[in-house]
C-alpha atoms as a PDB file:
ATOM      1  CA  MET A   1      77.913  91.627  80.913  1.00  0.00           C
ATOM      2  CA  THR A   2      76.466  90.206  77.349  1.00  0.00           C
ATOM      3  CA  THR A   3      76.117  92.812  74.639  1.00  0.00           C
ATOM      4  CA  THR A   4      72.512  92.308  74.815  1.00  0.00           C
ATOM      5  CA  GLU A   5      71.649  92.918  77.914  1.00  0.00           C
ATOM      6  CA  LEU A   6      70.194  96.822  78.720  1.00  0.00           C
ATOM      7  CA  LEU A   7      71.899  98.529  81.414  1.00  0.00           C
ATOM      8  CA  ARG A   8      70.471 100.758  83.920  1.00  0.00           C
ATOM      9  CA  LEU A   9      72.066 103.632  86.052  1.00  0.00           C
ATOM     10  CA  ALA A  10      70.281 104.364  88.462  1.00  0.00           C
ATOM     11  CA  SER A  11      72.066 107.717  89.122  1.00  0.00           C
ATOM     12  CA  ALA A  12      71.998 108.389  85.657  1.00  0.00           C
ATOM     13  CA  ASP A  13      68.101 107.200  84.364  1.00  0.00           C
ATOM     14  CA  ASN A  14      68.706 107.997  81.157  1.00  0.00           C
ATOM     15  CA  PHE A  15      71.955 106.251  80.049  1.00  0.00           C
ATOM     16  CA  ARG A  16      71.459 103.843  77.494  1.00  0.00           C
ATOM     17  CA  ASP A  17      73.225 102.200  74.551  1.00  0.00           C
ATOM     18  CA  VAL A  18      72.387 104.100  71.199  1.00  0.00           C
ATOM     19  CA  ALA A  19      72.009 100.730  69.245  1.00  0.00           C
ATOM     20  CA  GLY A  20      69.334 100.477  71.199  1.00  0.00           C
ATOM     21  CA  PRO A  21      68.151  97.144  73.128  1.00  0.00           C
ATOM     22  CA  GLY A  22      68.610  93.135  72.725  1.00  0.00           C
ATOM     23  CA  GLU A  23      70.578  92.638  69.385  1.00  0.00           C
ATOM     24  CA  GLY A  24      70.508  96.520  68.500  1.00  0.00           C
ATOM     25  CA  TYR A  25      68.004  97.993  66.269  1.00  0.00           C
ATOM     26  CA  PRO A  26      66.953  96.676  62.870  1.00  0.00           C
ATOM     27  CA  THR A  27      68.101  98.497  59.356  1.00  0.00           C
ATOM     28  CA  ARG A  28      65.836  98.701  56.202  1.00  0.00           C
ATOM     29  CA  ASP A  29      68.942  96.651  54.538  1.00  0.00           C
ATOM     30  CA  GLY A  30      68.300  94.004  57.110  1.00  0.00           C
ATOM     31  CA  GLY A  31      71.789  94.637  59.292  1.00  0.00           C
ATOM     32  CA  ARG A  32      71.724  95.874  62.669  1.00  0.00           C
ATOM     33  CA  VAL A  33      73.069  98.763  64.651  1.00  0.00           C
ATOM     34  CA  ARG A  34      76.063  97.526  66.177  1.00  0.00           C
ATOM     35  CA  ARG A  35      75.601  97.871  70.323  1.00  0.00           C
ATOM     36  CA  GLY A  36      78.592  98.446  72.892  1.00  0.00           C
ATOM     37  CA  VAL A  37      80.043 101.306  70.481  1.00  0.00           C
ATOM     38  CA  PHE A  38      78.176 104.741  70.990  1.00  0.00           C
ATOM     39  CA  PHE A  39      76.259 105.565  74.845  1.00  0.00           C
ATOM     40  CA  ARG A  40      74.263 108.655  75.155  1.00  0.00           C
ATOM     41  CA  SER A  41      72.987 109.492  79.329  1.00  0.00           C
ATOM     42  CA  ASN A  42      71.870 112.641  80.705  1.00  0.00           C
ATOM     43  CA  GLN A  43      74.769 114.390  83.260  1.00  0.00           C
ATOM     44  CA  LEU A  44      77.230 111.918  84.970  1.00  0.00           C
ATOM     45  CA  ALA A  45      76.487 112.632  88.390  1.00  0.00           C
ATOM     46  CA  LEU A  46      77.251 108.962  89.294  1.00  0.00           C
ATOM     47  CA  SER A  47      76.947 107.051  92.504  1.00  0.00           C
ATOM     48  CA  PRO A  48      80.418 105.388  93.093  1.00  0.00           C
ATOM     49  CA  GLU A  49      78.282 102.262  92.046  1.00  0.00           C
ATOM     50  CA  ASP A  50      77.474 103.680  89.074  1.00  0.00           C
ATOM     51  CA  ALA A  51      80.384 105.208  88.305  1.00  0.00           C
ATOM     52  CA  ALA A  52      82.552 101.883  88.215  1.00  0.00           C
ATOM     53  CA  VAL A  53      79.699 100.347  86.158  1.00  0.00           C
ATOM     54  CA  VAL A  54      80.550 102.486  83.472  1.00  0.00           C
ATOM     55  CA  ALA A  55      84.142 102.492  84.306  1.00  0.00           C
ATOM     56  CA  GLY A  56      83.847  98.933  83.248  1.00  0.00           C
ATOM     57  CA  LEU A  57      82.544  99.566  79.824  1.00  0.00           C
ATOM     58  CA  GLY A  58      86.156 100.459  78.567  1.00  0.00           C
ATOM     59  CA  LEU A  59      85.155 103.830  78.093  1.00  0.00           C
ATOM     60  CA  THR A  60      87.857 106.144  75.771  1.00  0.00           C
ATOM     61  CA  ALA A  61      86.190 109.210  75.570  1.00  0.00           C
ATOM     62  CA  ILE A  62      83.292 111.207  77.352  1.00  0.00           C
ATOM     63  CA  HIS A  63      81.535 114.087  74.955  1.00  0.00           C
ATOM     64  CA  ASP A  64      80.073 116.514  77.362  1.00  0.00           C
ATOM     65  CA  LEU A  65      77.219 118.832  74.945  1.00  0.00           C
ATOM     66  CA  ARG A  66      76.106 121.017  77.590  1.00  0.00           C
ATOM     67  CA  ARG A  67      77.167 125.031  77.943  1.00  0.00           C
ATOM     68  CA  ALA A  68      79.885 126.564  80.311  1.00  0.00           C
ATOM     69  CA  ASP A  69      77.736 126.898  82.854  1.00  0.00           C
ATOM     70  CA  GLU A  70      75.936 123.243  83.101  1.00  0.00           C
ATOM     71  CA  ILE A  71      79.179 122.561  83.418  1.00  0.00           C
ATOM     72  CA  GLU A  72      80.297 124.479  86.371  1.00  0.00           C
ATOM     73  CA  SER A  73      77.414 124.211  88.225  1.00  0.00           C
ATOM     74  CA  ASN A  74      77.528 120.233  87.788  1.00  0.00           C
ATOM     75  CA  PRO A  75      80.848 118.642  86.266  1.00  0.00           C
ATOM     76  CA  ASP A  76      81.141 115.191  85.424  1.00  0.00           C
ATOM     77  CA  VAL A  77      82.304 112.373  87.602  1.00  0.00           C
ATOM     78  CA  GLU A  78      86.010 111.305  86.119  1.00  0.00           C
ATOM     79  CA  VAL A  79      85.495 108.029  84.653  1.00  0.00           C
ATOM     80  CA  PRO A  80      89.407 106.205  84.708  1.00  0.00           C
ATOM     81  CA  GLY A  81      90.858 105.768  80.533  1.00  0.00           C
ATOM     82  CA  ALA A  82      88.011 108.153  79.480  1.00  0.00           C
ATOM     83  CA  THR A  83      89.318 111.464  77.772  1.00  0.00           C
ATOM     84  CA  TRP A  84      86.381 114.087  78.465  1.00  0.00           C
ATOM     85  CA  HIS A  85      85.311 116.572  75.185  1.00  0.00           C
ATOM     86  CA  HIS A  86      83.590 119.769  75.290  1.00  0.00           C
ATOM     87  CA  HIS A  87      81.570 120.651  72.334  1.00  0.00           C
ATOM     88  CA  ASP A  88      79.135 123.520  73.424  1.00  0.00           C
ATOM     89  CA  VAL A  89      75.562 122.599  71.900  1.00  0.00           C
ATOM     90  CA  LEU A  90      73.127 125.377  72.399  1.00  0.00           C
ATOM     91  CA  GLY A  91      70.190 123.976  74.599  1.00  0.00           C
ATOM     92  CA  VAL A  92      67.519 124.841  77.391  1.00  0.00           C
ATOM     93  CA  GLY A  93      66.738 124.045  80.614  1.00  0.00           C
ATOM     94  CA  ALA A  94      64.390 124.641  83.241  1.00  0.00           C
ATOM     95  CA  ALA A  95      66.257 127.225  85.106  1.00  0.00           C
ATOM     96  CA  ASP A  96      66.075 129.350  81.279  1.00  0.00           C
ATOM     97  CA  ALA A  97      62.551 128.868  80.818  1.00  0.00           C
ATOM     98  CA  VAL A  98      61.440 130.117  84.564  1.00  0.00           C
ATOM     99  CA  GLY A  99      60.404 133.901  83.746  1.00  0.00           C
ATOM    100  CA  ASN A 100      58.440 132.887  81.120  1.00  0.00           C
ATOM    101  CA  LEU A 101      54.654 134.012  81.699  1.00  0.00           C
ATOM    102  CA  ASP A 102      52.652 130.407  79.762  1.00  0.00           C
ATOM    103  CA  VAL A 103      53.332 127.426  77.578  1.00  0.00           C
ATOM    104  CA  GLU A 104      53.320 128.830  74.304  1.00  0.00           C
ATOM    105  CA  GLU A 105      56.445 130.692  75.172  1.00  0.00           C
ATOM    106  CA  THR A 106      58.224 127.677  76.618  1.00  0.00           C
ATOM    107  CA  VAL A 107      57.392 125.672  73.544  1.00  0.00           C
ATOM    108  CA  THR A 108      58.592 128.614  71.405  1.00  0.00           C
ATOM    109  CA  MET A 109      61.890 128.446  73.277  1.00  0.00           C
ATOM    110  CA  MET A 110      61.952 124.773  72.764  1.00  0.00           C
ATOM    111  CA  GLU A 111      61.359 124.724  68.737  1.00  0.00           C
ATOM    112  CA  ARG A 112      64.173 127.432  68.914  1.00  0.00           C
ATOM    113  CA  ALA A 113      66.398 125.069  70.698  1.00  0.00           C
ATOM    114  CA  TYR A 114      65.541 122.135  67.906  1.00  0.00           C
ATOM    115  CA  THR A 115      66.018 125.002  64.846  1.00  0.00           C
ATOM    116  CA  ASP A 116      69.282 125.538  66.466  1.00  0.00           C
ATOM    117  CA  PHE A 117      70.592 122.125  66.187  1.00  0.00           C
ATOM    118  CA  VAL A 118      70.367 122.300  62.117  1.00  0.00           C
ATOM    119  CA  LEU A 119      70.955 126.375  61.614  1.00  0.00           C
ATOM    120  CA  ASP A 120      72.733 127.997  64.374  1.00  0.00           C
ATOM    121  CA  PRO A 121      76.564 127.707  63.283  1.00  0.00           C
ATOM    122  CA  ALA A 122      78.074 127.114  66.444  1.00  0.00           C
ATOM    123  CA  SER A 123      75.802 124.127  67.509  1.00  0.00           C
ATOM    124  CA  ARG A 124      76.562 123.025  64.311  1.00  0.00           C
ATOM    125  CA  ALA A 125      80.262 123.114  64.751  1.00  0.00           C
ATOM    126  CA  ALA A 126      80.015 121.658  67.324  1.00  0.00           C
ATOM    127  CA  LEU A 127      77.614 118.476  66.501  1.00  0.00           C
ATOM    128  CA  GLY A 128      80.616 118.646  64.136  1.00  0.00           C
ATOM    129  CA  SER A 129      83.319 117.929  66.150  1.00  0.00           C
ATOM    130  CA  LEU A 130      81.024 115.415  68.339  1.00  0.00           C
ATOM    131  CA  PHE A 131      80.726 113.263  65.116  1.00  0.00           C
ATOM    132  CA  GLY A 132      84.078 113.800  64.065  1.00  0.00           C
ATOM    133  CA  HIS A 133      85.275 112.546  67.147  1.00  0.00           C
ATOM    134  CA  LEU A 134      82.982 109.366  67.505  1.00  0.00           C
ATOM    135  CA  ALA A 135      84.182 108.492  64.178  1.00  0.00           C
ATOM    136  CA  HIS A 136      87.700 108.523  64.850  1.00  0.00           C
ATOM    137  CA  ASP A 137      88.541 108.485  68.326  1.00  0.00           C
ATOM    138  CA  PRO A 138      89.309 104.638  69.125  1.00  0.00           C
ATOM    139  CA  GLY A 139      87.062 102.512  71.705  1.00  0.00           C
ATOM    140  CA  PRO A 140      83.478 102.736  73.236  1.00  0.00           C
ATOM    141  CA  GLN A 141      82.858 106.296  73.446  1.00  0.00           C
ATOM    142  CA  LEU A 142      79.820 108.381  75.349  1.00  0.00           C
ATOM    143  CA  PHE A 143      78.007 111.540  74.633  1.00  0.00           C
ATOM    144  CA  HIS A 144      75.656 113.544  76.854  1.00  0.00           C
ATOM    145  CA  CYS A 145      74.266 116.516  78.144  1.00  0.00           C
ATOM    146  CA  THR A 146      71.815 117.624  81.344  1.00  0.00           C
ATOM    147  CA  ALA A 147      68.816 115.279  80.904  1.00  0.00           C
ATOM    148  CA  GLY A 148      70.260 113.093  78.210  1.00  0.00           C
ATOM    149  CA  LYS A 149      66.747 113.947  75.873  1.00  0.00           C
ATOM    150  CA  ASP A 150      67.297 116.711  73.630  1.00  0.00           C
ATOM    151  CA  ARG A 151      70.819 117.728  72.544  1.00  0.00           C
ATOM    152  CA  THR A 152      71.896 114.147  73.215  1.00  0.00           C
ATOM    153  CA  GLY A 153      68.261 113.187  71.337  1.00  0.00           C
ATOM    154  CA  TRP A 154      69.138 114.463  68.531  1.00  0.00           C
ATOM    155  CA  ALA A 155      72.325 113.480  68.219  1.00  0.00           C
ATOM    156  CA  GLY A 156      71.464 109.810  69.001  1.00  0.00           C
ATOM    157  CA  ALA A 157      68.132 110.445  66.006  1.00  0.00           C
ATOM    158  CA  VAL A 158      71.151 111.464  63.336  1.00  0.00           C
ATOM    159  CA  LEU A 159      73.251 108.319  64.770  1.00  0.00           C
ATOM    160  CA  LEU A 160      70.326 106.045  64.025  1.00  0.00           C
ATOM    161  CA  GLU A 161      69.257 107.669  60.807  1.00  0.00           C
ATOM    162  CA  LEU A 162      72.583 107.184  59.608  1.00  0.00           C
ATOM    163  CA  ALA A 163      72.730 103.836  60.379  1.00  0.00           C
ATOM    164  CA  GLY A 164      70.170 103.323  57.755  1.00  0.00           C
ATOM    165  CA  VAL A 165      67.159 103.025  61.015  1.00  0.00           C
ATOM    166  CA  ASP A 166      63.346 103.266  59.905  1.00  0.00           C
ATOM    167  CA  ASP A 167      62.140 106.662  60.939  1.00  0.00           C
ATOM    168  CA  GLU A 168      59.245 105.299  63.151  1.00  0.00           C
ATOM    169  CA  VAL A 169      61.707 103.216  65.107  1.00  0.00           C
ATOM    170  CA  VAL A 170      63.973 106.360  65.328  1.00  0.00           C
ATOM    171  CA  PHE A 171      61.022 108.819  66.548  1.00  0.00           C
ATOM    172  CA  GLU A 172      60.047 105.749  69.342  1.00  0.00           C
ATOM    173  CA  ASP A 173      63.567 105.442  70.367  1.00  0.00           C
ATOM    174  CA  TYR A 174      64.152 109.625  70.896  1.00  0.00           C
ATOM    175  CA  LEU A 175      60.963 109.444  72.702  1.00  0.00           C
ATOM    176  CA  LEU A 176      61.778 107.130  75.200  1.00  0.00           C
ATOM    177  CA  SER A 177      63.451 109.780  77.240  1.00  0.00           C
ATOM    178  CA  ASN A 178      60.010 110.418  78.688  1.00  0.00           C
ATOM    179  CA  ASP A 179      60.396 106.910  79.876  1.00  0.00           C
ATOM    180  CA  TYR A 180      64.059 106.370  80.972  1.00  0.00           C
ATOM    181  CA  SER A 181      63.870 109.551  82.547  1.00  0.00           C
ATOM    182  CA  ALA A 182      60.630 109.736  84.730  1.00  0.00           C
ATOM    183  CA  ARG A 183      62.200 109.563  88.411  1.00  0.00           C
ATOM    184  CA  SER A 184      64.624 112.270  87.940  1.00  0.00           C
ATOM    185  CA  ARG A 185      61.942 114.561  85.655  1.00  0.00           C
ATOM    186  CA  ALA A 186      59.657 113.975  88.843  1.00  0.00           C
ATOM    187  CA  GLY A 187      62.585 115.821  91.211  1.00  0.00           C
ATOM    188  CA  TYR A 188      62.957 118.385  88.898  1.00  0.00           C
ATOM    189  CA  GLU A 189      59.530 118.938  89.018  1.00  0.00           C
ATOM    190  CA  GLU A 190      59.169 119.009  92.929  1.00  0.00           C
ATOM    191  CA  ALA A 191      62.102 121.555  93.081  1.00  0.00           C
ATOM    192  CA  ILE A 192      60.058 123.794  90.607  1.00  0.00           C
ATOM    193  CA  ARG A 193      56.863 122.945  92.768  1.00  0.00           C
ATOM    194  CA  GLU A 194      58.485 124.067  96.140  1.00  0.00           C
ATOM    195  CA  ALA A 195      60.419 127.321  95.092  1.00  0.00           C
ATOM    196  CA  LEU A 196      57.575 128.298  92.334  1.00  0.00           C
ATOM    197  CA  GLY A 197      54.324 126.428  92.789  1.00  0.00           C
ATOM    198  CA  GLU A 198      51.865 124.324  90.541  1.00  0.00           C
ATOM    199  CA  GLU A 199      51.817 127.174  88.336  1.00  0.00           C
ATOM    200  CA  ALA A 200      54.854 126.857  87.524  1.00  0.00           C
ATOM    201  CA  VAL A 201      55.319 123.092  86.599  1.00  0.00           C
ATOM    202  CA  ALA A 202      52.687 123.270  84.064  1.00  0.00           C
ATOM    203  CA  VAL A 203      54.861 126.151  82.203  1.00  0.00           C
ATOM    204  CA  LEU A 204      57.382 124.217  82.144  1.00  0.00           C
ATOM    205  CA  VAL A 205      56.341 121.460  81.575  1.00  0.00           C
ATOM    206  CA  PRO A 206      57.645 121.644  77.503  1.00  0.00           C
ATOM    207  CA  VAL A 207      61.310 122.021  78.733  1.00  0.00           C
ATOM    208  CA  LEU A 208      61.343 118.944  81.234  1.00  0.00           C
ATOM    209  CA  GLU A 209      60.187 116.177  78.359  1.00  0.00           C
ATOM    210  CA  VAL A 210      60.436 115.284  74.713  1.00  0.00           C
ATOM    211  CA  ARG A 211      58.122 115.600  71.944  1.00  0.00           C
ATOM    212  CA  GLU A 212      57.713 114.258  68.538  1.00  0.00           C
ATOM    213  CA  GLU A 213      56.848 117.292  67.504  1.00  0.00           C
ATOM    214  CA  TYR A 214      60.262 119.037  68.561  1.00  0.00           C
ATOM    215  CA  LEU A 215      62.289 115.766  66.647  1.00  0.00           C
ATOM    216  CA  ALA A 216      60.229 116.551  63.522  1.00  0.00           C
ATOM    217  CA  LEU A 217      61.056 120.336  63.514  1.00  0.00           C
ATOM    218  CA  SER A 218      64.570 119.815  63.308  1.00  0.00           C
ATOM    219  CA  ARG A 219      64.466 116.765  60.507  1.00  0.00           C
ATOM    220  CA  ARG A 220      61.741 119.029  58.440  1.00  0.00           C
ATOM    221  CA  LEU A 221      64.924 122.204  58.444  1.00  0.00           C
ATOM    222  CA  VAL A 222      67.257 119.146  57.364  1.00  0.00           C
ATOM    223  CA  GLU A 223      65.130 118.455  54.210  1.00  0.00           C
ATOM    224  CA  THR A 224      64.398 122.255  53.502  1.00  0.00           C
ATOM    225  CA  THR A 225      67.872 123.589  54.024  1.00  0.00           C
ATOM    226  CA  TYR A 226      70.277 120.481  52.767  1.00  0.00           C
ATOM    227  CA  GLY A 227      68.421 118.789  51.079  1.00  0.00           C
ATOM    228  CA  GLY A 228      68.375 115.444  53.341  1.00  0.00           C
ATOM    229  CA  LEU A 229      70.288 113.991  55.925  1.00  0.00           C
ATOM    230  CA  ASP A 230      73.520 113.620  53.778  1.00  0.00           C
ATOM    231  CA  GLY A 231      73.688 117.716  52.717  1.00  0.00           C
ATOM    232  CA  TYR A 232      73.014 117.676  56.741  1.00  0.00           C
ATOM    233  CA  LEU A 233      76.039 115.940  57.847  1.00  0.00           C
ATOM    234  CA  ARG A 234      78.526 117.190  54.864  1.00  0.00           C
ATOM    235  CA  GLU A 235      77.683 120.927  54.584  1.00  0.00           C
ATOM    236  CA  GLY A 236      76.067 121.530  57.736  1.00  0.00           C
ATOM    237  CA  LEU A 237      78.869 119.249  59.919  1.00  0.00           C
ATOM    238  CA  GLY A 238      81.720 120.058  57.761  1.00  0.00           C
ATOM    239  CA  LEU A 239      82.242 115.816  57.715  1.00  0.00           C
ATOM    240  CA  ASP A 240      84.338 114.855  54.869  1.00  0.00           C
ATOM    241  CA  GLU A 241      83.915 111.475  53.373  1.00  0.00           C
ATOM    242  CA  ALA A 242      86.213 109.693  55.797  1.00  0.00           C
ATOM    243  CA  THR A 243      84.401 110.490  58.257  1.00  0.00           C
ATOM    244  CA  LEU A 244      80.583 109.836  57.245  1.00  0.00           C
ATOM    245  CA  THR A 245      82.544 106.328  56.182  1.00  0.00           C
ATOM    246  CA  ALA A 246      84.279 105.970  59.146  1.00  0.00           C
ATOM    247  CA  LEU A 247      81.012 106.590  61.853  1.00  0.00           C
ATOM    248  CA  ALA A 248      78.706 104.451  59.501  1.00  0.00           C
ATOM    249  CA  GLY A 249      81.080 101.213  59.456  1.00  0.00           C
ATOM    250  CA  LYS A 250      81.063 101.534  63.294  1.00  0.00           C
ATOM    251  CA  LEU A 251      76.975 101.966  63.321  1.00  0.00           C
ATOM    252  CA  ARG A 252      76.770  99.091  61.480  1.00  0.00           C
ATOM    253  CA  ALA A 253      77.160  95.605  62.547  1.00  0.00           C
ATOM    254  CA  ALA A 254      79.020  92.781  60.819  1.00  0.00           C
END
């Protein structure tokens, strides 16, 4: 497989290279994001065939951003050669929102999660740990949550912004989760429909999809709280100069 091929997995439909398709996303200074270094995904409930494909990437680390209860319910398939790390980033799942009475409450729940990515001390510590590993651990690495769209989506957006990708492309990449995970989302919706009825599906739609306003909220909080991405990474996540330099170096193609 060449580095420019778009690798898709049947059993993890939101799996993808953080760098994007083709030669990697362009950066504002005329460069490219480096392919084959960082991968993102939904939960690794992999078929044997897909597990073999992932093992073939030469991954050295798997970074699980889920809560302990999510991991206990659906543990990752072991990937040979990859060390598993846990970074507990607060997130919202459909099960968390089942008791909500209306869509507005569910949207508020999602907005709280995206606020926590920026302001919550535990989530910031977990994200700081993730980016520290990505910067300093050798070899290709993968990070994921349950659906691969919110916690993973925020981490992916931060990496692309750090690499110097245009804001428009950062948002487009984030929103790709709606397309990539359409099959698994349909499965979630059918399970909710059978268990709770059609009305519950409508109430839970804000949890099952990504929305531009979610990412915009987090980015706005980064600006107002830390003065921009650099302040968020340094003050919010506790990353030092050596870590940021190493991370940027991995993200940028030579």
